[in-house]
Amino acid sequence: MNENIHLEAITYKLATKRLCTVTWAMQQMMFTSFDKRLAEFLLNESNTTNSDEINMTHEQIAKLMGSAREVVTRMLKYFSTEGYVELTRGKVKIINKQALEKL
């Protein structure tokens, strides 16, 4: 790698970015309650797609969050009964962003 300084710089940059992502994910899992993590995930996805509808199954959300599907399903049902989200097959629609942001 010493022969190509640009390749070395890119490699270090990618490794640093990956390490930051993994560290952030571990910090979220260790120090943030699941309801807050799920709310942040839903809000993030909504902002990324510029839509209040998130087209993901509970299983997909669980995998991305490093959790079990059952835990995601339970919390989404709670969010639904509180009026934060609306659930349909393969889709979560945010109906009260302010409530999710307050968690």
PDB file of N, CA and C in Angstrom:
ATOM      1  N   MET A   1       0.808  -1.206   0.000  1.00  0.00           N
ATOM      2  CA  MET A   1       0.000   0.000   0.000  1.00  0.00           C
ATOM      3  C   MET A   1       0.849   1.268   0.000  1.00  0.00           C
ATOM      4  N   ASN A   2       2.062   1.195   0.457  1.00  0.00           N
ATOM      5  CA  ASN A   2       2.894   2.393   0.509  1.00  0.00           C
ATOM      6  C   ASN A   2       3.163   2.975  -0.866  1.00  0.00           C
ATOM      7  N   GLU A   3       3.034   2.158  -1.906  1.00  0.00           N
ATOM      8  CA  GLU A   3       3.289   2.651  -3.252  1.00  0.00           C
ATOM      9  C   GLU A   3       2.176   3.553  -3.750  1.00  0.00           C
ATOM     10  N   ASN A   4       0.984   3.383  -3.224  1.00  0.00           N
ATOM     11  CA  ASN A   4      -0.138   4.180  -3.699  1.00  0.00           C
ATOM     12  C   ASN A   4      -0.799   4.891  -2.519  1.00  0.00           C
ATOM     13  N   ILE A   5      -0.384   6.093  -2.279  1.00  0.00           N
ATOM     14  CA  ILE A   5      -0.864   6.874  -1.138  1.00  0.00           C
ATOM     15  C   ILE A   5      -2.362   7.151  -1.226  1.00  0.00           C
ATOM     16  N   HIS A   6      -2.888   7.282  -2.436  1.00  0.00           N
ATOM     17  CA  HIS A   6      -4.321   7.557  -2.608  1.00  0.00           C
ATOM     18  C   HIS A   6      -5.167   6.352  -2.196  1.00  0.00           C
ATOM     19  N   LEU A   7      -4.717   5.165  -2.577  1.00  0.00           N
ATOM     20  CA  LEU A   7      -5.426   3.948  -2.187  1.00  0.00           C
ATOM     21  C   LEU A   7      -5.401   3.784  -0.672  1.00  0.00           C
ATOM     22  N   GLU A   8      -4.272   4.082  -0.079  1.00  0.00           N
ATOM     23  CA  GLU A   8      -4.142   3.990   1.372  1.00  0.00           C
ATOM     24  C   GLU A   8      -5.089   4.974   2.063  1.00  0.00           C
ATOM     25  N   ALA A   9      -5.172   6.186   1.565  1.00  0.00           N
ATOM     26  CA  ALA A   9      -6.063   7.193   2.153  1.00  0.00           C
ATOM     27  C   ALA A   9      -7.525   6.768   2.041  1.00  0.00           C
ATOM     28  N   ILE A  10      -7.904   6.238   0.898  1.00  0.00           N
ATOM     29  CA  ILE A  10      -9.287   5.779   0.698  1.00  0.00           C
ATOM     30  C   ILE A  10      -9.599   4.616   1.635  1.00  0.00           C
ATOM     31  N   THR A  11      -8.648   3.693   1.770  1.00  0.00           N
ATOM     32  CA  THR A  11      -8.842   2.543   2.649  1.00  0.00           C
ATOM     33  C   THR A  11      -9.033   2.991   4.089  1.00  0.00           C
ATOM     34  N   TYR A  12      -8.202   3.904   4.561  1.00  0.00           N
ATOM     35  CA  TYR A  12      -8.334   4.421   5.924  1.00  0.00           C
ATOM     36  C   TYR A  12      -9.658   5.153   6.109  1.00  0.00           C
ATOM     37  N   LYS A  13     -10.052   5.903   5.110  1.00  0.00           N
ATOM     38  CA  LYS A  13     -11.309   6.649   5.193  1.00  0.00           C
ATOM     39  C   LYS A  13     -12.494   5.692   5.314  1.00  0.00           C
ATOM     40  N   LEU A  14     -12.519   4.645   4.487  1.00  0.00           N
ATOM     41  CA  LEU A  14     -13.605   3.661   4.538  1.00  0.00           C
ATOM     42  C   LEU A  14     -13.620   2.906   5.866  1.00  0.00           C
ATOM     43  N   ALA A  15     -12.443   2.531   6.348  1.00  0.00           N
ATOM     44  CA  ALA A  15     -12.361   1.812   7.620  1.00  0.00           C
ATOM     45  C   ALA A  15     -12.835   2.691   8.773  1.00  0.00           C
ATOM     46  N   THR A  16     -12.460   3.959   8.750  1.00  0.00           N
ATOM     47  CA  THR A  16     -12.881   4.895   9.790  1.00  0.00           C
ATOM     48  C   THR A  16     -14.390   5.095   9.767  1.00  0.00           C
ATOM     49  N   LYS A  17     -14.946   5.235   8.582  1.00  0.00           N
ATOM     50  CA  LYS A  17     -16.400   5.416   8.452  1.00  0.00           C
ATOM     51  C   LYS A  17     -17.136   4.197   8.995  1.00  0.00           C
ATOM     52  N   ARG A  18     -16.660   3.016   8.651  1.00  0.00           N
ATOM     53  CA  ARG A  18     -17.298   1.775   9.120  1.00  0.00           C
ATOM     54  C   ARG A  18     -17.196   1.658  10.638  1.00  0.00           C
ATOM     55  N   LEU A  19     -16.039   1.983  11.197  1.00  0.00           N
ATOM     56  CA  LEU A  19     -15.847   1.921  12.641  1.00  0.00           C
ATOM     57  C   LEU A  19     -16.787   2.891  13.352  1.00  0.00           C
ATOM     58  N   CYS A  20     -16.945   4.081  12.806  1.00  0.00           N
ATOM     59  CA  CYS A  20     -17.866   5.067  13.389  1.00  0.00           C
ATOM     60  C   CYS A  20     -19.301   4.553  13.366  1.00  0.00           C
ATOM     61  N   THR A  21     -19.694   3.933  12.268  1.00  0.00           N
ATOM     62  CA  THR A  21     -21.050   3.390  12.147  1.00  0.00           C
ATOM     63  C   THR A  21     -21.287   2.286  13.171  1.00  0.00           C
ATOM     64  N   VAL A  22     -20.345   1.379  13.308  1.00  0.00           N
ATOM     65  CA  VAL A  22     -20.479   0.275  14.260  1.00  0.00           C
ATOM     66  C   VAL A  22     -20.488   0.802  15.690  1.00  0.00           C
ATOM     67  N   THR A  23     -19.632   1.751  15.997  1.00  0.00           N
ATOM     68  CA  THR A  23     -19.586   2.340  17.334  1.00  0.00           C
ATOM     69  C   THR A  23     -20.900   3.030  17.666  1.00  0.00           C
ATOM     70  N   TRP A  24     -21.452   3.773  16.712  1.00  0.00           N
ATOM     71  CA  TRP A  24     -22.730   4.452  16.931  1.00  0.00           C
ATOM     72  C   TRP A  24     -23.832   3.430  17.192  1.00  0.00           C
ATOM     73  N   ALA A  25     -23.867   2.353  16.404  1.00  0.00           N
ATOM     74  CA  ALA A  25     -24.896   1.321  16.571  1.00  0.00           C
ATOM     75  C   ALA A  25     -24.789   0.659  17.942  1.00  0.00           C
ATOM     76  N   MET A  26     -23.582   0.363  18.378  1.00  0.00           N
ATOM     77  CA  MET A  26     -23.388  -0.239  19.697  1.00  0.00           C
ATOM     78  C   MET A  26     -23.831   0.709  20.801  1.00  0.00           C
ATOM     79  N   GLN A  27     -23.505   1.969  20.662  1.00  0.00           N
ATOM     80  CA  GLN A  27     -23.901   2.967  21.654  1.00  0.00           C
ATOM     81  C   GLN A  27     -25.424   3.062  21.733  1.00  0.00           C
ATOM     82  N   GLN A  28     -26.088   3.053  20.587  1.00  0.00           N
ATOM     83  CA  GLN A  28     -27.546   3.110  20.562  1.00  0.00           C
ATOM     84  C   GLN A  28     -28.149   1.901  21.275  1.00  0.00           C
ATOM     85  N   MET A  29     -27.614   0.720  21.003  1.00  0.00           N
ATOM     86  CA  MET A  29     -28.154  -0.497  21.605  1.00  0.00           C
ATOM     87  C   MET A  29     -27.929  -0.539  23.108  1.00  0.00           C
ATOM     88  N   MET A  30     -26.805  -0.011  23.557  1.00  0.00           N
ATOM     89  CA  MET A  30     -26.459  -0.106  24.969  1.00  0.00           C
ATOM     90  C   MET A  30     -27.114   0.974  25.824  1.00  0.00           C
ATOM     91  N   PHE A  31     -27.276   2.172  25.296  1.00  0.00           N
ATOM     92  CA  PHE A  31     -27.662   3.291  26.146  1.00  0.00           C
ATOM     93  C   PHE A  31     -28.992   3.952  25.805  1.00  0.00           C
ATOM     94  N   THR A  32     -29.674   3.496  24.775  1.00  0.00           N
ATOM     95  CA  THR A  32     -30.939   4.110  24.383  1.00  0.00           C
ATOM     96  C   THR A  32     -32.045   3.069  24.480  1.00  0.00           C
ATOM     97  N   SER A  33     -33.175   3.450  25.073  1.00  0.00           N
ATOM     98  CA  SER A  33     -34.288   2.510  25.202  1.00  0.00           C
ATOM     99  C   SER A  33     -34.812   2.143  23.815  1.00  0.00           C
ATOM    100  N   PHE A  34     -35.431   0.955  23.738  1.00  0.00           N
ATOM    101  CA  PHE A  34     -35.856   0.471  22.429  1.00  0.00           C
ATOM    102  C   PHE A  34     -36.932   1.350  21.809  1.00  0.00           C
ATOM    103  N   ASP A  35     -37.869   1.857  22.611  1.00  0.00           N
ATOM    104  CA  ASP A  35     -38.923   2.698  22.036  1.00  0.00           C
ATOM    105  C   ASP A  35     -38.340   3.945  21.390  1.00  0.00           C
ATOM    106  N   LYS A  36     -37.333   4.530  22.038  1.00  0.00           N
ATOM    107  CA  LYS A  36     -36.679   5.718  21.475  1.00  0.00           C
ATOM    108  C   LYS A  36     -35.892   5.353  20.213  1.00  0.00           C
ATOM    109  N   ARG A  37     -35.200   4.221  20.241  1.00  0.00           N
ATOM    110  CA  ARG A  37     -34.437   3.782  19.066  1.00  0.00           C
ATOM    111  C   ARG A  37     -35.349   3.539  17.875  1.00  0.00           C
ATOM    112  N   LEU A  38     -36.491   2.893  18.132  1.00  0.00           N
ATOM    113  CA  LEU A  38     -37.427   2.612  17.046  1.00  0.00           C
ATOM    114  C   LEU A  38     -38.027   3.902  16.509  1.00  0.00           C
ATOM    115  N   ALA A  39     -38.371   4.812  17.398  1.00  0.00           N
ATOM    116  CA  ALA A  39     -38.919   6.103  16.960  1.00  0.00           C
ATOM    117  C   ALA A  39     -37.899   6.844  16.099  1.00  0.00           C
ATOM    118  N   GLU A  40     -36.642   6.867  16.531  1.00  0.00           N
ATOM    119  CA  GLU A  40     -35.588   7.533  15.755  1.00  0.00           C
ATOM    120  C   GLU A  40     -35.399   6.855  14.402  1.00  0.00           C
ATOM    121  N   PHE A  41     -35.462   5.532  14.385  1.00  0.00           N
ATOM    122  CA  PHE A  41     -35.330   4.792  13.127  1.00  0.00           C
ATOM    123  C   PHE A  41     -36.444   5.174  12.163  1.00  0.00           C
ATOM    124  N   LEU A  42     -37.683   5.173  12.652  1.00  0.00           N
ATOM    125  CA  LEU A  42     -38.825   5.508  11.798  1.00  0.00           C
ATOM    126  C   LEU A  42     -38.725   6.939  11.276  1.00  0.00           C
ATOM    127  N   LEU A  43     -38.352   7.865  12.145  1.00  0.00           N
ATOM    128  CA  LEU A  43     -38.220   9.265  11.726  1.00  0.00           C
ATOM    129  C   LEU A  43     -37.094   9.426  10.703  1.00  0.00           C
ATOM    130  N   ASN A  44     -35.989   8.719  10.922  1.00  0.00           N
ATOM    131  CA  ASN A  44     -34.860   8.748   9.982  1.00  0.00           C
ATOM    132  C   ASN A  44     -35.270   8.230   8.612  1.00  0.00           C
ATOM    133  N   GLU A  45     -35.943   7.095   8.586  1.00  0.00           N
ATOM    134  CA  GLU A  45     -36.401   6.518   7.317  1.00  0.00           C
ATOM    135  C   GLU A  45     -37.374   7.455   6.619  1.00  0.00           C
ATOM    136  N   SER A  46     -38.254   8.064   7.392  1.00  0.00           N
ATOM    137  CA  SER A  46     -39.222   9.004   6.834  1.00  0.00           C
ATOM    138  C   SER A  46     -38.510  10.198   6.199  1.00  0.00           C
ATOM    139  N   ASN A  47     -37.508  10.718   6.884  1.00  0.00           N
ATOM    140  CA  ASN A  47     -36.749  11.857   6.351  1.00  0.00           C
ATOM    141  C   ASN A  47     -35.942  11.463   5.118  1.00  0.00           C
ATOM    142  N   THR A  48     -35.364  10.271   5.140  1.00  0.00           N
ATOM    143  CA  THR A  48     -34.557   9.801   4.015  1.00  0.00           C
ATOM    144  C   THR A  48     -35.391   9.652   2.748  1.00  0.00           C
ATOM    145  N   THR A  49     -36.605   9.133   2.900  1.00  0.00           N
ATOM    146  CA  THR A  49     -37.462   8.880   1.740  1.00  0.00           C
ATOM    147  C   THR A  49     -38.423  10.027   1.444  1.00  0.00           C
ATOM    148  N   ASN A  50     -38.417  11.055   2.297  1.00  0.00           N
ATOM    149  CA  ASN A  50     -39.358  12.179   2.164  1.00  0.00           C
ATOM    150  C   ASN A  50     -40.804  11.706   2.096  1.00  0.00           C
ATOM    151  N   SER A  51     -41.125  10.737   2.936  1.00  0.00           N
ATOM    152  CA  SER A  51     -42.472  10.175   2.959  1.00  0.00           C
ATOM    153  C   SER A  51     -42.805   9.725   4.376  1.00  0.00           C
ATOM    154  N   ASP A  52     -44.068   9.842   4.743  1.00  0.00           N
ATOM    155  CA  ASP A  52     -44.511   9.345   6.047  1.00  0.00           C
ATOM    156  C   ASP A  52     -44.751   7.841   6.019  1.00  0.00           C
ATOM    157  N   GLU A  53     -44.714   7.244   4.838  1.00  0.00           N
ATOM    158  CA  GLU A  53     -44.906   5.802   4.705  1.00  0.00           C
ATOM    159  C   GLU A  53     -43.560   5.104   4.559  1.00  0.00           C
ATOM    160  N   ILE A  54     -43.336   4.124   5.410  1.00  0.00           N
ATOM    161  CA  ILE A  54     -42.102   3.345   5.382  1.00  0.00           C
ATOM    162  C   ILE A  54     -42.466   1.950   4.887  1.00  0.00           C
ATOM    163  N   ASN A  55     -41.981   1.612   3.715  1.00  0.00           N
ATOM    164  CA  ASN A  55     -42.305   0.327   3.091  1.00  0.00           C
ATOM    165  C   ASN A  55     -41.294  -0.730   3.513  1.00  0.00           C
ATOM    166  N   MET A  56     -41.480  -1.246   4.721  1.00  0.00           N
ATOM    167  CA  MET A  56     -40.617  -2.293   5.263  1.00  0.00           C
ATOM    168  C   MET A  56     -41.453  -3.206   6.136  1.00  0.00           C
ATOM    169  N   THR A  57     -41.077  -4.470   6.140  1.00  0.00           N
ATOM    170  CA  THR A  57     -41.728  -5.408   7.050  1.00  0.00           C
ATOM    171  C   THR A  57     -41.108  -5.260   8.437  1.00  0.00           C
ATOM    172  N   HIS A  58     -41.788  -5.819   9.422  1.00  0.00           N
ATOM    173  CA  HIS A  58     -41.248  -5.793  10.784  1.00  0.00           C
ATOM    174  C   HIS A  58     -39.907  -6.523  10.822  1.00  0.00           C
ATOM    175  N   GLU A  59     -39.806  -7.589  10.047  1.00  0.00           N
ATOM    176  CA  GLU A  59     -38.559  -8.365   9.968  1.00  0.00           C
ATOM    177  C   GLU A  59     -37.414  -7.506   9.422  1.00  0.00           C
ATOM    178  N   GLN A  60     -37.672  -6.751   8.376  1.00  0.00           N
ATOM    179  CA  GLN A  60     -36.635  -5.889   7.793  1.00  0.00           C
ATOM    180  C   GLN A  60     -36.200  -4.813   8.789  1.00  0.00           C
ATOM    181  N   ILE A  61     -37.164  -4.215   9.463  1.00  0.00           N
ATOM    182  CA  ILE A  61     -36.840  -3.194  10.470  1.00  0.00           C
ATOM    183  C   ILE A  61     -35.988  -3.813  11.571  1.00  0.00           C
ATOM    184  N   ALA A  62     -36.386  -4.995  12.039  1.00  0.00           N
ATOM    185  CA  ALA A  62     -35.644  -5.673  13.107  1.00  0.00           C
ATOM    186  C   ALA A  62     -34.202  -5.950  12.695  1.00  0.00           C
ATOM    187  N   LYS A  63     -34.007  -6.436  11.474  1.00  0.00           N
ATOM    188  CA  LYS A  63     -32.646  -6.727  11.008  1.00  0.00           C
ATOM    189  C   LYS A  63     -31.799  -5.461  10.954  1.00  0.00           C
ATOM    190  N   LEU A  64     -32.374  -4.384  10.452  1.00  0.00           N
ATOM    191  CA  LEU A  64     -31.625  -3.129  10.357  1.00  0.00           C
ATOM    192  C   LEU A  64     -31.310  -2.546  11.731  1.00  0.00           C
ATOM    193  N   MET A  65     -32.160  -2.834  12.714  1.00  0.00           N
ATOM    194  CA  MET A  65     -31.958  -2.300  14.057  1.00  0.00           C
ATOM    195  C   MET A  65     -31.177  -3.247  14.960  1.00  0.00           C
ATOM    196  N   GLY A  66     -30.916  -4.462  14.491  1.00  0.00           N
ATOM    197  CA  GLY A  66     -30.207  -5.434  15.322  1.00  0.00           C
ATOM    198  C   GLY A  66     -31.080  -5.951  16.454  1.00  0.00           C
ATOM    199  N   SER A  67     -32.335  -6.206  16.150  1.00  0.00           N
ATOM    200  CA  SER A  67     -33.294  -6.650  17.160  1.00  0.00           C
ATOM    201  C   SER A  67     -34.077  -7.847  16.633  1.00  0.00           C
ATOM    202  N   ALA A  68     -34.991  -8.351  17.452  1.00  0.00           N
ATOM    203  CA  ALA A  68     -35.858  -9.456  17.041  1.00  0.00           C
ATOM    204  C   ALA A  68     -37.158  -8.897  16.472  1.00  0.00           C
ATOM    205  N   ARG A  69     -37.720  -9.609  15.506  1.00  0.00           N
ATOM    206  CA  ARG A  69     -38.971  -9.162  14.892  1.00  0.00           C
ATOM    207  C   ARG A  69     -40.076  -9.013  15.924  1.00  0.00           C
ATOM    208  N   GLU A  70     -40.140  -9.932  16.880  1.00  0.00           N
ATOM    209  CA  GLU A  70     -41.187  -9.896  17.892  1.00  0.00           C
ATOM    210  C   GLU A  70     -41.140  -8.606  18.704  1.00  0.00           C
ATOM    211  N   VAL A  71     -39.942  -8.152  19.016  1.00  0.00           N
ATOM    212  CA  VAL A  71     -39.772  -6.920  19.795  1.00  0.00           C
ATOM    213  C   VAL A  71     -40.253  -5.723  18.982  1.00  0.00           C
ATOM    214  N   VAL A  72     -39.881  -5.687  17.708  1.00  0.00           N
ATOM    215  CA  VAL A  72     -40.316  -4.602  16.819  1.00  0.00           C
ATOM    216  C   VAL A  72     -41.834  -4.615  16.690  1.00  0.00           C
ATOM    217  N   THR A  73     -42.411  -5.784  16.481  1.00  0.00           N
ATOM    218  CA  THR A  73     -43.864  -5.902  16.331  1.00  0.00           C
ATOM    219  C   THR A  73     -44.584  -5.409  17.580  1.00  0.00           C
ATOM    220  N   ARG A  74     -44.109  -5.816  18.745  1.00  0.00           N
ATOM    221  CA  ARG A  74     -44.723  -5.389  20.003  1.00  0.00           C
ATOM    222  C   ARG A  74     -44.696  -3.872  20.155  1.00  0.00           C
ATOM    223  N   MET A  75     -43.547  -3.272  19.864  1.00  0.00           N
ATOM    224  CA  MET A  75     -43.417  -1.822  20.035  1.00  0.00           C
ATOM    225  C   MET A  75     -44.228  -1.075  18.982  1.00  0.00           C
ATOM    226  N   LEU A  76     -44.259  -1.573  17.750  1.00  0.00           N
ATOM    227  CA  LEU A  76     -45.072  -0.928  16.716  1.00  0.00           C
ATOM    228  C   LEU A  76     -46.558  -1.000  17.065  1.00  0.00           C
ATOM    229  N   LYS A  77     -46.995  -2.112  17.650  1.00  0.00           N
ATOM    230  CA  LYS A  77     -48.394  -2.216  18.082  1.00  0.00           C
ATOM    231  C   LYS A  77     -48.684  -1.199  19.176  1.00  0.00           C
ATOM    232  N   TYR A  78     -47.731  -1.015  20.088  1.00  0.00           N
ATOM    233  CA  TYR A  78     -47.891   0.004  21.128  1.00  0.00           C
ATOM    234  C   TYR A  78     -47.981   1.395  20.493  1.00  0.00           C
ATOM    235  N   PHE A  79     -47.074   1.686  19.562  1.00  0.00           N
ATOM    236  CA  PHE A  79     -47.106   2.978  18.860  1.00  0.00           C
ATOM    237  C   PHE A  79     -48.447   3.171  18.152  1.00  0.00           C
ATOM    238  N   SER A  80     -48.981   2.098  17.608  1.00  0.00           N
ATOM    239  CA  SER A  80     -50.257   2.171  16.905  1.00  0.00           C
ATOM    240  C   SER A  80     -51.403   2.491  17.867  1.00  0.00           C
ATOM    241  N   THR A  81     -51.422   1.827  19.018  1.00  0.00           N
ATOM    242  CA  THR A  81     -52.492   2.095  19.988  1.00  0.00           C
ATOM    243  C   THR A  81     -52.402   3.502  20.561  1.00  0.00           C
ATOM    244  N   GLU A  82     -51.202   4.056  20.596  1.00  0.00           N
ATOM    245  CA  GLU A  82     -51.013   5.429  21.081  1.00  0.00           C
ATOM    246  C   GLU A  82     -51.316   6.469  20.004  1.00  0.00           C
ATOM    247  N   GLY A  83     -51.511   6.011  18.764  1.00  0.00           N
ATOM    248  CA  GLY A  83     -51.834   6.925  17.675  1.00  0.00           C
ATOM    249  C   GLY A  83     -50.627   7.549  16.995  1.00  0.00           C
ATOM    250  N   TYR A  84     -49.450   6.950  17.179  1.00  0.00           N
ATOM    251  CA  TYR A  84     -48.228   7.471  16.558  1.00  0.00           C
ATOM    252  C   TYR A  84     -48.089   7.004  15.115  1.00  0.00           C
ATOM    253  N   VAL A  85     -48.475   5.739  14.868  1.00  0.00           N
ATOM    254  CA  VAL A  85     -48.311   5.141  13.545  1.00  0.00           C
ATOM    255  C   VAL A  85     -49.567   4.369  13.162  1.00  0.00           C
ATOM    256  N   GLU A  86     -49.651   4.069  11.883  1.00  0.00           N
ATOM    257  CA  GLU A  86     -50.709   3.220  11.336  1.00  0.00           C
ATOM    258  C   GLU A  86     -50.011   2.040  10.670  1.00  0.00           C
ATOM    259  N   LEU A  87     -50.447   0.827  10.987  1.00  0.00           N
ATOM    260  CA  LEU A  87     -49.779  -0.366  10.476  1.00  0.00           C
ATOM    261  C   LEU A  87     -50.628  -1.071   9.429  1.00  0.00           C
ATOM    262  N   THR A  88     -50.005  -1.395   8.314  1.00  0.00           N
ATOM    263  CA  THR A  88     -50.601  -2.265   7.308  1.00  0.00           C
ATOM    264  C   THR A  88     -49.515  -3.248   6.877  1.00  0.00           C
ATOM    265  N   ARG A  89     -49.890  -4.260   6.148  1.00  0.00           N
ATOM    266  CA  ARG A  89     -48.930  -5.304   5.762  1.00  0.00           C
ATOM    267  C   ARG A  89     -47.752  -4.710   4.980  1.00  0.00           C
ATOM    268  N   GLY A  90     -46.551  -4.882   5.543  1.00  0.00           N
ATOM    269  CA  GLY A  90     -45.341  -4.419   4.873  1.00  0.00           C
ATOM    270  C   GLY A  90     -45.164  -2.914   4.859  1.00  0.00           C
ATOM    271  N   LYS A  91     -45.911  -2.215   5.715  1.00  0.00           N
ATOM    272  CA  LYS A  91     -45.848  -0.754   5.679  1.00  0.00           C
ATOM    273  C   LYS A  91     -46.142  -0.166   7.064  1.00  0.00           C
ATOM    274  N   VAL A  92     -45.413   0.888   7.392  1.00  0.00           N
ATOM    275  CA  VAL A  92     -45.661   1.656   8.612  1.00  0.00           C
ATOM    276  C   VAL A  92     -45.852   3.100   8.186  1.00  0.00           C
ATOM    277  N   LYS A  93     -46.975   3.686   8.566  1.00  0.00           N
ATOM    278  CA  LYS A  93     -47.243   5.081   8.224  1.00  0.00           C
ATOM    279  C   LYS A  93     -47.195   5.914   9.498  1.00  0.00           C
ATOM    280  N   ILE A  94     -46.344   6.924   9.497  1.00  0.00           N
ATOM    281  CA  ILE A  94     -46.244   7.820  10.651  1.00  0.00           C
ATOM    282  C   ILE A  94     -47.399   8.808  10.584  1.00  0.00           C
ATOM    283  N   ILE A  95     -48.178   8.873  11.667  1.00  0.00           N
ATOM    284  CA  ILE A  95     -49.302   9.810  11.683  1.00  0.00           C
ATOM    285  C   ILE A  95     -49.151  10.876  12.765  1.00  0.00           C
ATOM    286  N   ASN A  96     -48.158  10.718  13.653  1.00  0.00           N
ATOM    287  CA  ASN A  96     -47.912  11.731  14.677  1.00  0.00           C
ATOM    288  C   ASN A  96     -46.405  11.865  14.905  1.00  0.00           C
ATOM    289  N   LYS A  97     -45.749  12.619  14.029  1.00  0.00           N
ATOM    290  CA  LYS A  97     -44.292  12.797  14.115  1.00  0.00           C
ATOM    291  C   LYS A  97     -43.871  13.449  15.426  1.00  0.00           C
ATOM    292  N   GLN A  98     -44.646  14.427  15.879  1.00  0.00           N
ATOM    293  CA  GLN A  98     -44.292  15.150  17.099  1.00  0.00           C
ATOM    294  C   GLN A  98     -44.218  14.205  18.300  1.00  0.00           C
ATOM    295  N   ALA A  99     -45.154  13.268  18.385  1.00  0.00           N
ATOM    296  CA  ALA A  99     -45.147  12.315  19.499  1.00  0.00           C
ATOM    297  C   ALA A  99     -43.909  11.419  19.442  1.00  0.00           C
ATOM    298  N   LEU A 100     -43.544  10.970  18.243  1.00  0.00           N
ATOM    299  CA  LEU A 100     -42.345  10.138  18.105  1.00  0.00           C
ATOM    300  C   LEU A 100     -41.090  10.928  18.463  1.00  0.00           C
ATOM    301  N   GLU A 101     -41.051  12.188  18.083  1.00  0.00           N
ATOM    302  CA  GLU A 101     -39.883  13.020  18.379  1.00  0.00           C
ATOM    303  C   GLU A 101     -39.718  13.254  19.876  1.00  0.00           C
ATOM    304  N   LYS A 102     -40.819  13.236  20.624  1.00  0.00           N
ATOM    305  CA  LYS A 102     -40.763  13.483  22.070  1.00  0.00           C
ATOM    306  C   LYS A 102     -40.273  12.280  22.865  1.00  0.00           C
ATOM    307  N   LEU A 103     -40.310  11.095  22.262  1.00  0.00           N
ATOM    308  CA  LEU A 103     -39.878   9.890  22.990  1.00  0.00           C
ATOM    309  C   LEU A 103     -38.410   9.951  23.360  1.00  0.00           C
TER     310      LEU A 103
END
